[in-house]
Amino acid sequence: MTARKILTYLMLIVGFGAAGYLLYHTFRDYTLDQVVQSVTAIPPVHLAIALVFAFGSYLCLTGFDWAGVRYVRNDLPYPKIALASFIALSIGQSVGLSGLSSGALRYRYYAHWGMSTEDVAKIVLLSGVTVGIGMAVLTGLVMILNPADAAGVLKLSKSVVTMIGIACLAVTALYLLMAATLRTPLKIRSWSFAMPRLKIAIAQVVIGTINFALVSACLREVMATTADVSYLKAATAFVLANMAILITHAPGGLGVLEATVRHVMGSDASIGALVAFRVIYFFVPFFIGLPLSLIVEAVFRARKARGGSNTTPMAKLEPRGSVEPA
């Protein structure tokens, strides 16, 4: 067993352990009946609106892959991109280690449609960059507009929190500036990254920010039925929860998200609201994406059994060997 596999297993063990402890700590004062009653107390109209926000977020996530596919100068049609993205992320975000799990699923589909391993790796990388940019913009906005809540949790002064917010937006502005002016790849030892062109970088900022704004709206919607929760406070709780998830590597943020939101929101975040958010944003897409992946896999195998090629090379906008960004 390689050191990388050992590290991956250790991360999973630690992540599941942290998730179990935090879930116990969050729910230990409630019986199952109380949790069920808290969930059923949320009016159906609020659950429906939360589902719409979740749908909008997953629609934005397909834009992450769209930007990546165009970055490698491939003209794969959007419906295929959306299919690969939804299946990969609906499963990857729930099982944890999203970069590995969703990356493997993306490779299965994009390779079937004629992409090289290098191209798929670039798509996954650019998608990760889009995640970071979107979160940086939302973090910057909430820390500038609502520094009090973040300051209380982070034990920092409001001025320091505001400066962190400004720094997050400055990093995003620097990324756009580099995309507009830098044409040679960035190199750090043996690792290199070619900046996307400005139009793709702008798309990353817009789509990434809207995605996380919609997730925050989904969270706020399920909490608004039991308390007068502002959108900014819900967004602040979501941002801080994601910081905690990055530190703990808990699978799907299980336990970490609930405990952090509960800590930030206090009694405003009812147990029912936390469960409803988990079900709406993670479980519902997972139980759609999992059977959909099995159906797609069956279609792939059926075509192969009929004698069709396992890969269908797609027309490239430039030769496959090109490493220039789009």
C-alpha atoms as a PDB file:
ATOM      1  CA  MET A   1       0.000   0.000   0.000  1.00  0.00           C
ATOM      2  CA  THR A   2       1.405   3.381  -1.015  1.00  0.00           C
ATOM      3  CA  ALA A   3       1.880   6.288   1.359  1.00  0.00           C
ATOM      4  CA  ARG A   4      -0.802   8.212  -0.531  1.00  0.00           C
ATOM      5  CA  LYS A   5      -3.374   5.469   0.031  1.00  0.00           C
ATOM      6  CA  ILE A   6      -2.461   5.232   3.709  1.00  0.00           C
ATOM      7  CA  LEU A   7      -2.867   9.013   4.061  1.00  0.00           C
ATOM      8  CA  THR A   8      -6.241   8.860   2.287  1.00  0.00           C
ATOM      9  CA  TYR A   9      -7.502   6.128   4.617  1.00  0.00           C
ATOM     10  CA  LEU A  10      -6.248   8.019   7.659  1.00  0.00           C
ATOM     11  CA  MET A  11      -8.050  11.164   6.475  1.00  0.00           C
ATOM     12  CA  LEU A  12     -11.257   9.153   6.060  1.00  0.00           C
ATOM     13  CA  ILE A  13     -10.936   7.623   9.527  1.00  0.00           C
ATOM     14  CA  VAL A  14     -10.249  10.986  11.158  1.00  0.00           C
ATOM     15  CA  GLY A  15     -13.010  12.633   9.129  1.00  0.00           C
ATOM     16  CA  PHE A  16     -15.639  10.051  10.033  1.00  0.00           C
ATOM     17  CA  GLY A  17     -14.517  10.167  13.654  1.00  0.00           C
ATOM     18  CA  ALA A  18     -14.842  13.943  13.785  1.00  0.00           C
ATOM     19  CA  ALA A  19     -18.209  13.767  12.025  1.00  0.00           C
ATOM     20  CA  GLY A  20     -19.525  11.193  14.490  1.00  0.00           C
ATOM     21  CA  TYR A  21     -18.403  13.184  17.508  1.00  0.00           C
ATOM     22  CA  LEU A  22     -19.834  16.458  16.210  1.00  0.00           C
ATOM     23  CA  LEU A  23     -23.136  14.854  15.243  1.00  0.00           C
ATOM     24  CA  TYR A  24     -23.411  13.359  18.722  1.00  0.00           C
ATOM     25  CA  HIS A  25     -22.500  16.703  20.314  1.00  0.00           C
ATOM     26  CA  THR A  26     -25.091  18.536  18.194  1.00  0.00           C
ATOM     27  CA  PHE A  27     -27.986  16.088  18.575  1.00  0.00           C
ATOM     28  CA  ARG A  28     -27.342  14.561  22.009  1.00  0.00           C
ATOM     29  CA  ASP A  29     -29.999  16.667  23.760  1.00  0.00           C
ATOM     30  CA  TYR A  30     -32.771  15.629  21.330  1.00  0.00           C
ATOM     31  CA  THR A  31     -34.778  12.456  20.900  1.00  0.00           C
ATOM     32  CA  LEU A  32     -35.619  11.061  17.482  1.00  0.00           C
ATOM     33  CA  ASP A  33     -39.241  12.159  17.903  1.00  0.00           C
ATOM     34  CA  GLN A  34     -38.132  15.714  18.654  1.00  0.00           C
ATOM     35  CA  VAL A  35     -35.934  15.790  15.554  1.00  0.00           C
ATOM     36  CA  VAL A  36     -38.775  14.469  13.371  1.00  0.00           C
ATOM     37  CA  GLN A  37     -41.226  17.001  14.841  1.00  0.00           C
ATOM     38  CA  SER A  38     -38.735  19.810  14.225  1.00  0.00           C
ATOM     39  CA  VAL A  39     -38.378  18.813  10.572  1.00  0.00           C
ATOM     40  CA  THR A  40     -42.131  18.387   9.983  1.00  0.00           C
ATOM     41  CA  ALA A  41     -42.731  21.812  11.540  1.00  0.00           C
ATOM     42  CA  ILE A  42     -41.092  23.438   8.497  1.00  0.00           C
ATOM     43  CA  PRO A  43     -43.886  24.493   6.098  1.00  0.00           C
ATOM     44  CA  PRO A  44     -43.784  22.657   2.731  1.00  0.00           C
ATOM     45  CA  VAL A  45     -43.559  25.947   0.833  1.00  0.00           C
ATOM     46  CA  HIS A  46     -40.240  26.736   2.541  1.00  0.00           C
ATOM     47  CA  LEU A  47     -38.927  23.278   1.770  1.00  0.00           C
ATOM     48  CA  ALA A  48     -39.957  23.743  -1.858  1.00  0.00           C
ATOM     49  CA  ILE A  49     -38.166  27.099  -2.088  1.00  0.00           C
ATOM     50  CA  ALA A  50     -35.074  25.576  -0.482  1.00  0.00           C
ATOM     51  CA  LEU A  51     -35.176  22.832  -3.122  1.00  0.00           C
ATOM     52  CA  VAL A  52     -35.280  25.499  -5.846  1.00  0.00           C
ATOM     53  CA  PHE A  53     -32.178  27.166  -4.362  1.00  0.00           C
ATOM     54  CA  ALA A  54     -30.425  23.772  -4.194  1.00  0.00           C
ATOM     55  CA  PHE A  55     -31.345  23.091  -7.828  1.00  0.00           C
ATOM     56  CA  GLY A  56     -29.935  26.486  -8.789  1.00  0.00           C
ATOM     57  CA  SER A  57     -26.695  25.667  -6.983  1.00  0.00           C
ATOM     58  CA  TYR A  58     -26.237  22.359  -8.800  1.00  0.00           C
ATOM     59  CA  LEU A  59     -27.010  24.148 -12.061  1.00  0.00           C
ATOM     60  CA  CYS A  60     -24.191  26.564 -11.254  1.00  0.00           C
ATOM     61  CA  LEU A  61     -21.912  23.623 -10.475  1.00  0.00           C
ATOM     62  CA  THR A  62     -22.347  22.414 -14.046  1.00  0.00           C
ATOM     63  CA  GLY A  63     -20.927  25.804 -14.994  1.00  0.00           C
ATOM     64  CA  PHE A  64     -17.747  24.914 -13.095  1.00  0.00           C
ATOM     65  CA  ASP A  65     -17.210  21.990 -15.463  1.00  0.00           C
ATOM     66  CA  TRP A  66     -18.296  24.023 -18.476  1.00  0.00           C
ATOM     67  CA  ALA A  67     -15.547  26.554 -17.730  1.00  0.00           C
ATOM     68  CA  GLY A  68     -13.047  23.708 -17.328  1.00  0.00           C
ATOM     69  CA  VAL A  69     -14.012  22.042 -20.591  1.00  0.00           C
ATOM     70  CA  ARG A  70     -13.687  25.326 -22.472  1.00  0.00           C
ATOM     71  CA  TYR A  71     -10.379  25.951 -20.692  1.00  0.00           C
ATOM     72  CA  VAL A  72      -8.930  22.828 -22.338  1.00  0.00           C
ATOM     73  CA  ARG A  73     -10.389  23.973 -25.677  1.00  0.00           C
ATOM     74  CA  ASN A  74     -12.876  21.167 -26.072  1.00  0.00           C
ATOM     75  CA  ASP A  75     -16.297  21.673 -27.689  1.00  0.00           C
ATOM     76  CA  LEU A  76     -18.123  18.947 -25.706  1.00  0.00           C
ATOM     77  CA  PRO A  77     -21.862  19.843 -25.716  1.00  0.00           C
ATOM     78  CA  TYR A  78     -23.277  21.323 -22.520  1.00  0.00           C
ATOM     79  CA  PRO A  79     -25.813  18.485 -21.878  1.00  0.00           C
ATOM     80  CA  LYS A  80     -22.946  15.987 -21.598  1.00  0.00           C
ATOM     81  CA  ILE A  81     -20.985  18.376 -19.369  1.00  0.00           C
ATOM     82  CA  ALA A  82     -24.032  18.853 -17.147  1.00  0.00           C
ATOM     83  CA  LEU A  83     -24.574  15.095 -16.886  1.00  0.00           C
ATOM     84  CA  ALA A  84     -20.977  14.386 -15.865  1.00  0.00           C
ATOM     85  CA  SER A  85     -20.900  17.324 -13.459  1.00  0.00           C
ATOM     86  CA  PHE A  86     -24.160  16.508 -11.681  1.00  0.00           C
ATOM     87  CA  ILE A  87     -23.393  12.820 -11.225  1.00  0.00           C
ATOM     88  CA  ALA A  88     -19.831  13.492 -10.063  1.00  0.00           C
ATOM     89  CA  LEU A  89     -20.703  16.260  -7.611  1.00  0.00           C
ATOM     90  CA  SER A  90     -23.994  14.886  -6.292  1.00  0.00           C
ATOM     91  CA  ILE A  91     -22.083  11.760  -5.248  1.00  0.00           C
ATOM     92  CA  GLY A  92     -18.731  13.367  -4.443  1.00  0.00           C
ATOM     93  CA  GLN A  93     -20.122  16.049  -2.139  1.00  0.00           C
ATOM     94  CA  SER A  94     -21.933  13.424  -0.066  1.00  0.00           C
ATOM     95  CA  VAL A  95     -19.286  10.716   0.267  1.00  0.00           C
ATOM     96  CA  GLY A  96     -16.447  13.148   1.010  1.00  0.00           C
ATOM     97  CA  LEU A  97     -12.976  13.725  -0.489  1.00  0.00           C
ATOM     98  CA  SER A  98     -14.818  15.370  -3.349  1.00  0.00           C
ATOM     99  CA  GLY A  99     -11.655  16.088  -5.321  1.00  0.00           C
ATOM    100  CA  LEU A 100     -10.880  12.366  -5.522  1.00  0.00           C
ATOM    101  CA  SER A 101     -14.355  10.838  -5.769  1.00  0.00           C
ATOM    102  CA  SER A 102     -15.855  13.356  -8.172  1.00  0.00           C
ATOM    103  CA  GLY A 103     -12.580  13.478 -10.112  1.00  0.00           C
ATOM    104  CA  ALA A 104     -12.713   9.730 -10.715  1.00  0.00           C
ATOM    105  CA  LEU A 105     -16.304   9.945 -11.942  1.00  0.00           C
ATOM    106  CA  ARG A 106     -15.475  12.874 -14.208  1.00  0.00           C
ATOM    107  CA  TYR A 107     -12.620  10.897 -15.707  1.00  0.00           C
ATOM    108  CA  ARG A 108     -14.960   7.974 -16.425  1.00  0.00           C
ATOM    109  CA  TYR A 109     -17.329  10.160 -18.448  1.00  0.00           C
ATOM    110  CA  TYR A 110     -14.935  12.613 -20.083  1.00  0.00           C
ATOM    111  CA  ALA A 111     -12.555   9.829 -21.115  1.00  0.00           C
ATOM    112  CA  HIS A 112     -15.506   7.973 -22.661  1.00  0.00           C
ATOM    113  CA  TRP A 113     -16.211  11.094 -24.694  1.00  0.00           C
ATOM    114  CA  GLY A 114     -12.640  11.293 -25.962  1.00  0.00           C
ATOM    115  CA  MET A 115     -10.726  13.482 -23.522  1.00  0.00           C
ATOM    116  CA  SER A 116      -7.193  12.762 -22.396  1.00  0.00           C
ATOM    117  CA  THR A 117      -6.173  12.218 -18.776  1.00  0.00           C
ATOM    118  CA  GLU A 118      -4.358  15.553 -18.857  1.00  0.00           C
ATOM    119  CA  ASP A 119      -7.482  17.377 -20.024  1.00  0.00           C
ATOM    120  CA  VAL A 120      -9.614  15.804 -17.288  1.00  0.00           C
ATOM    121  CA  ALA A 121      -7.025  16.721 -14.661  1.00  0.00           C
ATOM    122  CA  LYS A 122      -7.124  20.338 -15.880  1.00  0.00           C
ATOM    123  CA  ILE A 123     -10.933  20.383 -15.720  1.00  0.00           C
ATOM    124  CA  VAL A 124     -10.898  19.095 -12.132  1.00  0.00           C
ATOM    125  CA  LEU A 125      -8.199  21.618 -11.214  1.00  0.00           C
ATOM    126  CA  LEU A 126     -10.036  24.571 -12.723  1.00  0.00           C
ATOM    127  CA  SER A 127     -13.251  23.459 -11.014  1.00  0.00           C
ATOM    128  CA  GLY A 128     -11.386  23.495  -7.701  1.00  0.00           C
ATOM    129  CA  VAL A 129     -10.094  26.986  -8.453  1.00  0.00           C
ATOM    130  CA  THR A 130     -13.658  28.111  -9.173  1.00  0.00           C
ATOM    131  CA  VAL A 131     -14.741  26.736  -5.797  1.00  0.00           C
ATOM    132  CA  GLY A 132     -11.994  28.713  -4.097  1.00  0.00           C
ATOM    133  CA  ILE A 133     -12.792  31.909  -5.970  1.00  0.00           C
ATOM    134  CA  GLY A 134     -16.529  31.687  -5.324  1.00  0.00           C
ATOM    135  CA  MET A 135     -15.961  31.060  -1.626  1.00  0.00           C
ATOM    136  CA  ALA A 136     -13.395  33.887  -1.455  1.00  0.00           C
ATOM    137  CA  VAL A 137     -15.859  36.385  -2.915  1.00  0.00           C
ATOM    138  CA  LEU A 138     -18.714  35.335  -0.608  1.00  0.00           C
ATOM    139  CA  THR A 139     -16.348  35.331   2.385  1.00  0.00           C
ATOM    140  CA  GLY A 140     -15.133  38.796   1.481  1.00  0.00           C
ATOM    141  CA  LEU A 141     -18.647  40.160   1.169  1.00  0.00           C
ATOM    142  CA  VAL A 142     -20.014  38.706   4.419  1.00  0.00           C
ATOM    143  CA  MET A 143     -16.957  39.713   6.431  1.00  0.00           C
ATOM    144  CA  ILE A 144     -17.165  43.278   5.172  1.00  0.00           C
ATOM    145  CA  LEU A 145     -20.946  43.602   5.448  1.00  0.00           C
ATOM    146  CA  ASN A 146     -21.418  41.510   8.610  1.00  0.00           C
ATOM    147  CA  PRO A 147     -18.143  41.508  10.586  1.00  0.00           C
ATOM    148  CA  ALA A 148     -19.790  41.205  14.012  1.00  0.00           C
ATOM    149  CA  ASP A 149     -20.902  37.571  13.720  1.00  0.00           C
ATOM    150  CA  ALA A 150     -17.617  36.374  12.241  1.00  0.00           C
ATOM    151  CA  ALA A 151     -15.631  38.351  14.829  1.00  0.00           C
ATOM    152  CA  GLY A 152     -17.538  36.685  17.673  1.00  0.00           C
ATOM    153  CA  VAL A 153     -16.855  33.175  16.381  1.00  0.00           C
ATOM    154  CA  LEU A 154     -13.241  33.735  15.307  1.00  0.00           C
ATOM    155  CA  LYS A 155     -12.413  35.743  18.465  1.00  0.00           C
ATOM    156  CA  LEU A 156     -11.059  38.600  16.372  1.00  0.00           C
ATOM    157  CA  SER A 157     -11.834  42.299  16.261  1.00  0.00           C
ATOM    158  CA  LYS A 158     -14.286  43.618  13.692  1.00  0.00           C
ATOM    159  CA  SER A 159     -11.514  45.573  11.986  1.00  0.00           C
ATOM    160  CA  VAL A 160      -9.413  42.433  11.545  1.00  0.00           C
ATOM    161  CA  VAL A 161     -12.397  40.529  10.142  1.00  0.00           C
ATOM    162  CA  THR A 162     -13.076  43.392   7.733  1.00  0.00           C
ATOM    163  CA  MET A 163      -9.449  43.335   6.592  1.00  0.00           C
ATOM    164  CA  ILE A 164      -9.733  39.581   5.976  1.00  0.00           C
ATOM    165  CA  GLY A 165     -12.791  40.281   3.826  1.00  0.00           C
ATOM    166  CA  ILE A 166     -10.946  42.942   1.862  1.00  0.00           C
ATOM    167  CA  ALA A 167      -8.024  40.545   1.364  1.00  0.00           C
ATOM    168  CA  CYS A 168     -10.371  37.865  -0.025  1.00  0.00           C
ATOM    169  CA  LEU A 169     -11.761  40.298  -2.590  1.00  0.00           C
ATOM    170  CA  ALA A 170      -8.253  41.536  -3.396  1.00  0.00           C
ATOM    171  CA  VAL A 171      -7.116  37.981  -4.142  1.00  0.00           C
ATOM    172  CA  THR A 172     -10.041  37.597  -6.531  1.00  0.00           C
ATOM    173  CA  ALA A 173      -9.184  40.888  -8.243  1.00  0.00           C
ATOM    174  CA  LEU A 174      -5.561  39.728  -8.560  1.00  0.00           C
ATOM    175  CA  TYR A 175      -6.735  36.481 -10.173  1.00  0.00           C
ATOM    176  CA  LEU A 176      -8.695  38.453 -12.776  1.00  0.00           C
ATOM    177  CA  LEU A 177      -5.716  40.746 -13.398  1.00  0.00           C
ATOM    178  CA  MET A 178      -3.438  37.757 -13.929  1.00  0.00           C
ATOM    179  CA  ALA A 179      -5.953  36.175 -16.279  1.00  0.00           C
ATOM    180  CA  ALA A 180      -6.024  39.393 -18.305  1.00  0.00           C
ATOM    181  CA  THR A 181      -2.268  39.914 -18.511  1.00  0.00           C
ATOM    182  CA  LEU A 182      -0.362  36.692 -17.789  1.00  0.00           C
ATOM    183  CA  ARG A 183       0.079  34.318 -20.711  1.00  0.00           C
ATOM    184  CA  THR A 184       3.010  32.217 -19.501  1.00  0.00           C
ATOM    185  CA  PRO A 185       2.183  29.378 -17.075  1.00  0.00           C
ATOM    186  CA  LEU A 186       2.737  29.887 -13.359  1.00  0.00           C
ATOM    187  CA  LYS A 187       5.456  27.494 -12.152  1.00  0.00           C
ATOM    188  CA  ILE A 188       6.116  26.277  -8.612  1.00  0.00           C
ATOM    189  CA  ARG A 189       8.866  23.651  -8.735  1.00  0.00           C
ATOM    190  CA  SER A 190       7.552  20.890 -11.021  1.00  0.00           C
ATOM    191  CA  TRP A 191       3.943  22.141 -10.857  1.00  0.00           C
ATOM    192  CA  SER A 192       2.606  24.605 -13.426  1.00  0.00           C
ATOM    193  CA  PHE A 193      -0.750  26.229 -14.106  1.00  0.00           C
ATOM    194  CA  ALA A 194      -1.672  28.184 -17.228  1.00  0.00           C
ATOM    195  CA  MET A 195      -4.084  31.008 -16.423  1.00  0.00           C
ATOM    196  CA  PRO A 196      -7.435  30.947 -18.221  1.00  0.00           C
ATOM    197  CA  ARG A 197      -8.285  33.857 -20.425  1.00  0.00           C
ATOM    198  CA  LEU A 198     -10.209  36.731 -18.889  1.00  0.00           C
ATOM    199  CA  LYS A 199     -13.666  35.712 -20.127  1.00  0.00           C
ATOM    200  CA  ILE A 200     -13.375  32.302 -18.452  1.00  0.00           C
ATOM    201  CA  ALA A 201     -11.928  33.842 -15.277  1.00  0.00           C
ATOM    202  CA  ILE A 202     -14.887  36.243 -15.094  1.00  0.00           C
ATOM    203  CA  ALA A 203     -17.261  33.322 -15.584  1.00  0.00           C
ATOM    204  CA  GLN A 204     -15.518  31.524 -12.710  1.00  0.00           C
ATOM    205  CA  VAL A 205     -16.032  34.495 -10.388  1.00  0.00           C
ATOM    206  CA  VAL A 206     -19.680  35.001 -11.344  1.00  0.00           C
ATOM    207  CA  ILE A 207     -20.746  31.356 -11.366  1.00  0.00           C
ATOM    208  CA  GLY A 208     -18.729  30.479  -8.248  1.00  0.00           C
ATOM    209  CA  THR A 209     -20.169  33.367  -6.238  1.00  0.00           C
ATOM    210  CA  ILE A 210     -23.759  32.747  -7.338  1.00  0.00           C
ATOM    211  CA  ASN A 211     -23.395  29.062  -6.449  1.00  0.00           C
ATOM    212  CA  PHE A 212     -22.412  29.703  -2.840  1.00  0.00           C
ATOM    213  CA  ALA A 213     -24.929  32.529  -2.551  1.00  0.00           C
ATOM    214  CA  LEU A 214     -27.656  30.043  -3.526  1.00  0.00           C
ATOM    215  CA  VAL A 215     -26.437  27.467  -0.990  1.00  0.00           C
ATOM    216  CA  SER A 216     -26.582  30.158   1.700  1.00  0.00           C
ATOM    217  CA  ALA A 217     -30.108  31.047   0.562  1.00  0.00           C
ATOM    218  CA  CYS A 218     -31.098  27.379   0.841  1.00  0.00           C
ATOM    219  CA  LEU A 219     -29.768  27.282   4.409  1.00  0.00           C
ATOM    220  CA  ARG A 220     -31.502  30.526   5.320  1.00  0.00           C
ATOM    221  CA  GLU A 221     -34.821  29.344   3.890  1.00  0.00           C
ATOM    222  CA  VAL A 222     -35.081  26.275   6.140  1.00  0.00           C
ATOM    223  CA  MET A 223     -34.092  28.338   9.187  1.00  0.00           C
ATOM    224  CA  ALA A 224     -36.427  31.251   8.475  1.00  0.00           C
ATOM    225  CA  THR A 225     -39.511  29.268   9.505  1.00  0.00           C
ATOM    226  CA  THR A 226     -38.578  29.237  13.201  1.00  0.00           C
ATOM    227  CA  ALA A 227     -36.622  32.482  13.536  1.00  0.00           C
ATOM    228  CA  ASP A 228     -36.140  35.845  11.874  1.00  0.00           C
ATOM    229  CA  VAL A 229     -32.806  35.001  10.260  1.00  0.00           C
ATOM    230  CA  SER A 230     -31.130  37.523   7.980  1.00  0.00           C
ATOM    231  CA  TYR A 231     -29.526  36.326   4.778  1.00  0.00           C
ATOM    232  CA  LEU A 232     -26.172  37.825   5.776  1.00  0.00           C
ATOM    233  CA  LYS A 233     -26.123  35.915   9.060  1.00  0.00           C
ATOM    234  CA  ALA A 234     -26.977  32.644   7.314  1.00  0.00           C
ATOM    235  CA  ALA A 235     -24.270  33.318   4.709  1.00  0.00           C
ATOM    236  CA  THR A 236     -21.761  34.060   7.482  1.00  0.00           C
ATOM    237  CA  ALA A 237     -22.611  30.764   9.177  1.00  0.00           C
ATOM    238  CA  PHE A 238     -22.190  28.916   5.884  1.00  0.00           C
ATOM    239  CA  VAL A 239     -18.798  30.543   5.199  1.00  0.00           C
ATOM    240  CA  LEU A 240     -17.481  29.717   8.665  1.00  0.00           C
ATOM    241  CA  ALA A 241     -18.816  26.159   8.363  1.00  0.00           C
ATOM    242  CA  ASN A 242     -16.886  25.688   5.122  1.00  0.00           C
ATOM    243  CA  MET A 243     -13.706  26.911   6.812  1.00  0.00           C
ATOM    244  CA  ALA A 244     -14.221  24.268   9.494  1.00  0.00           C
ATOM    245  CA  ILE A 245     -14.919  21.599   6.852  1.00  0.00           C
ATOM    246  CA  LEU A 246     -11.651  22.403   5.057  1.00  0.00           C
ATOM    247  CA  ILE A 247      -9.762  21.988   8.335  1.00  0.00           C
ATOM    248  CA  THR A 248     -11.408  18.726   9.415  1.00  0.00           C
ATOM    249  CA  HIS A 249     -11.911  17.048   5.995  1.00  0.00           C
ATOM    250  CA  ALA A 250     -15.113  15.484   7.345  1.00  0.00           C
ATOM    251  CA  PRO A 251     -16.906  13.509   4.572  1.00  0.00           C
ATOM    252  CA  GLY A 252     -19.481  15.835   3.024  1.00  0.00           C
ATOM    253  CA  GLY A 253     -18.942  18.188   5.960  1.00  0.00           C
ATOM    254  CA  LEU A 254     -21.082  15.775   7.981  1.00  0.00           C
ATOM    255  CA  GLY A 255     -21.384  16.974  11.559  1.00  0.00           C
ATOM    256  CA  VAL A 256     -18.986  19.868  11.019  1.00  0.00           C
ATOM    257  CA  LEU A 257     -21.468  21.932   9.029  1.00  0.00           C
ATOM    258  CA  GLU A 258     -24.271  21.282  11.518  1.00  0.00           C
ATOM    259  CA  ALA A 259     -22.126  22.003  14.584  1.00  0.00           C
ATOM    260  CA  THR A 260     -20.641  25.204  13.124  1.00  0.00           C
ATOM    261  CA  VAL A 261     -23.961  26.594  11.926  1.00  0.00           C
ATOM    262  CA  ARG A 262     -25.508  25.754  15.300  1.00  0.00           C
ATOM    263  CA  HIS A 263     -22.641  27.524  17.057  1.00  0.00           C
ATOM    264  CA  VAL A 264     -22.945  30.649  14.906  1.00  0.00           C
ATOM    265  CA  MET A 265     -26.746  30.827  14.750  1.00  0.00           C
ATOM    266  CA  GLY A 266     -27.566  29.556  18.234  1.00  0.00           C
ATOM    267  CA  SER A 267     -31.235  28.750  18.762  1.00  0.00           C
ATOM    268  CA  ASP A 268     -32.058  30.329  15.372  1.00  0.00           C
ATOM    269  CA  ALA A 269     -30.758  27.143  13.750  1.00  0.00           C
ATOM    270  CA  SER A 270     -33.263  24.524  14.835  1.00  0.00           C
ATOM    271  CA  ILE A 271     -32.333  20.864  14.664  1.00  0.00           C
ATOM    272  CA  GLY A 272     -35.070  20.361  12.080  1.00  0.00           C
ATOM    273  CA  ALA A 273     -33.614  23.105   9.884  1.00  0.00           C
ATOM    274  CA  LEU A 274     -30.146  21.518   9.975  1.00  0.00           C
ATOM    275  CA  VAL A 275     -31.535  18.085   9.103  1.00  0.00           C
ATOM    276  CA  ALA A 276     -33.705  19.533   6.337  1.00  0.00           C
ATOM    277  CA  PHE A 277     -30.735  21.350   4.814  1.00  0.00           C
ATOM    278  CA  ARG A 278     -28.627  18.182   4.875  1.00  0.00           C
ATOM    279  CA  VAL A 279     -31.407  16.205   3.194  1.00  0.00           C
ATOM    280  CA  ILE A 280     -32.230  18.841   0.579  1.00  0.00           C
ATOM    281  CA  TYR A 281     -28.716  19.807  -0.466  1.00  0.00           C
ATOM    282  CA  PHE A 282     -26.850  16.522  -0.036  1.00  0.00           C
ATOM    283  CA  PHE A 283     -29.141  13.503   0.239  1.00  0.00           C
ATOM    284  CA  VAL A 284     -31.727  14.364  -2.450  1.00  0.00           C
ATOM    285  CA  PRO A 285     -29.070  15.021  -5.162  1.00  0.00           C
ATOM    286  CA  PHE A 286     -27.155  11.915  -4.025  1.00  0.00           C
ATOM    287  CA  PHE A 287     -30.174   9.642  -4.384  1.00  0.00           C
ATOM    288  CA  ILE A 288     -30.807  11.096  -7.837  1.00  0.00           C
ATOM    289  CA  GLY A 289     -27.175  11.029  -8.957  1.00  0.00           C
ATOM    290  CA  LEU A 290     -26.426   7.472  -7.780  1.00  0.00           C
ATOM    291  CA  PRO A 291     -29.092   5.649  -9.846  1.00  0.00           C
ATOM    292  CA  LEU A 292     -28.448   8.034 -12.731  1.00  0.00           C
ATOM    293  CA  SER A 293     -24.784   6.993 -12.694  1.00  0.00           C
ATOM    294  CA  LEU A 294     -25.820   3.339 -12.817  1.00  0.00           C
ATOM    295  CA  ILE A 295     -28.104   4.028 -15.780  1.00  0.00           C
ATOM    296  CA  VAL A 296     -25.371   5.889 -17.665  1.00  0.00           C
ATOM    297  CA  GLU A 297     -22.894   3.106 -16.912  1.00  0.00           C
ATOM    298  CA  ALA A 298     -25.363   0.542 -18.232  1.00  0.00           C
ATOM    299  CA  VAL A 299     -25.764   2.562 -21.431  1.00  0.00           C
ATOM    300  CA  PHE A 300     -21.981   2.760 -21.858  1.00  0.00           C
ATOM    301  CA  ARG A 301     -21.617  -1.002 -21.404  1.00  0.00           C
ATOM    302  CA  ALA A 302     -24.517  -1.777 -23.725  1.00  0.00           C
ATOM    303  CA  ARG A 303     -22.976   0.315 -26.494  1.00  0.00           C
ATOM    304  CA  LYS A 304     -19.618  -1.372 -25.970  1.00  0.00           C
ATOM    305  CA  ALA A 305     -21.262  -4.798 -26.085  1.00  0.00           C
ATOM    306  CA  ARG A 306     -22.858  -3.927 -29.434  1.00  0.00           C
ATOM    307  CA  GLY A 307     -19.368  -3.306 -30.791  1.00  0.00           C
ATOM    308  CA  GLY A 308     -19.200   0.448 -30.402  1.00  0.00           C
ATOM    309  CA  SER A 309     -16.006   2.104 -29.274  1.00  0.00           C
ATOM    310  CA  ASN A 310     -15.661   2.919 -25.589  1.00  0.00           C
ATOM    311  CA  THR A 311     -14.562   6.386 -26.502  1.00  0.00           C
ATOM    312  CA  THR A 312     -15.948   8.847 -28.953  1.00  0.00           C
ATOM    313  CA  PRO A 313     -13.254  11.389 -29.839  1.00  0.00           C
ATOM    314  CA  MET A 314     -14.606  14.895 -29.766  1.00  0.00           C
ATOM    315  CA  ALA A 315     -13.559  17.549 -32.227  1.00  0.00           C
ATOM    316  CA  LYS A 316     -11.034  19.829 -30.602  1.00  0.00           C
ATOM    317  CA  LEU A 317     -10.775  23.526 -31.197  1.00  0.00           C
ATOM    318  CA  GLU A 318      -7.009  23.061 -31.194  1.00  0.00           C
ATOM    319  CA  PRO A 319      -4.684  20.034 -31.483  1.00  0.00           C
ATOM    320  CA  ARG A 320      -4.783  17.673 -28.500  1.00  0.00           C
ATOM    321  CA  GLY A 321      -1.194  18.436 -27.619  1.00  0.00           C
ATOM    322  CA  SER A 322      -1.914  22.117 -27.019  1.00  0.00           C
ATOM    323  CA  VAL A 323      -1.528  23.281 -23.415  1.00  0.00           C
ATOM    324  CA  GLU A 324      -2.636  26.852 -24.011  1.00  0.00           C
ATOM    325  CA  PRO A 325      -5.595  28.008 -21.881  1.00  0.00           C
ATOM    326  CA  ALA A 326      -8.891  29.002 -23.441  1.00  0.00           C
END
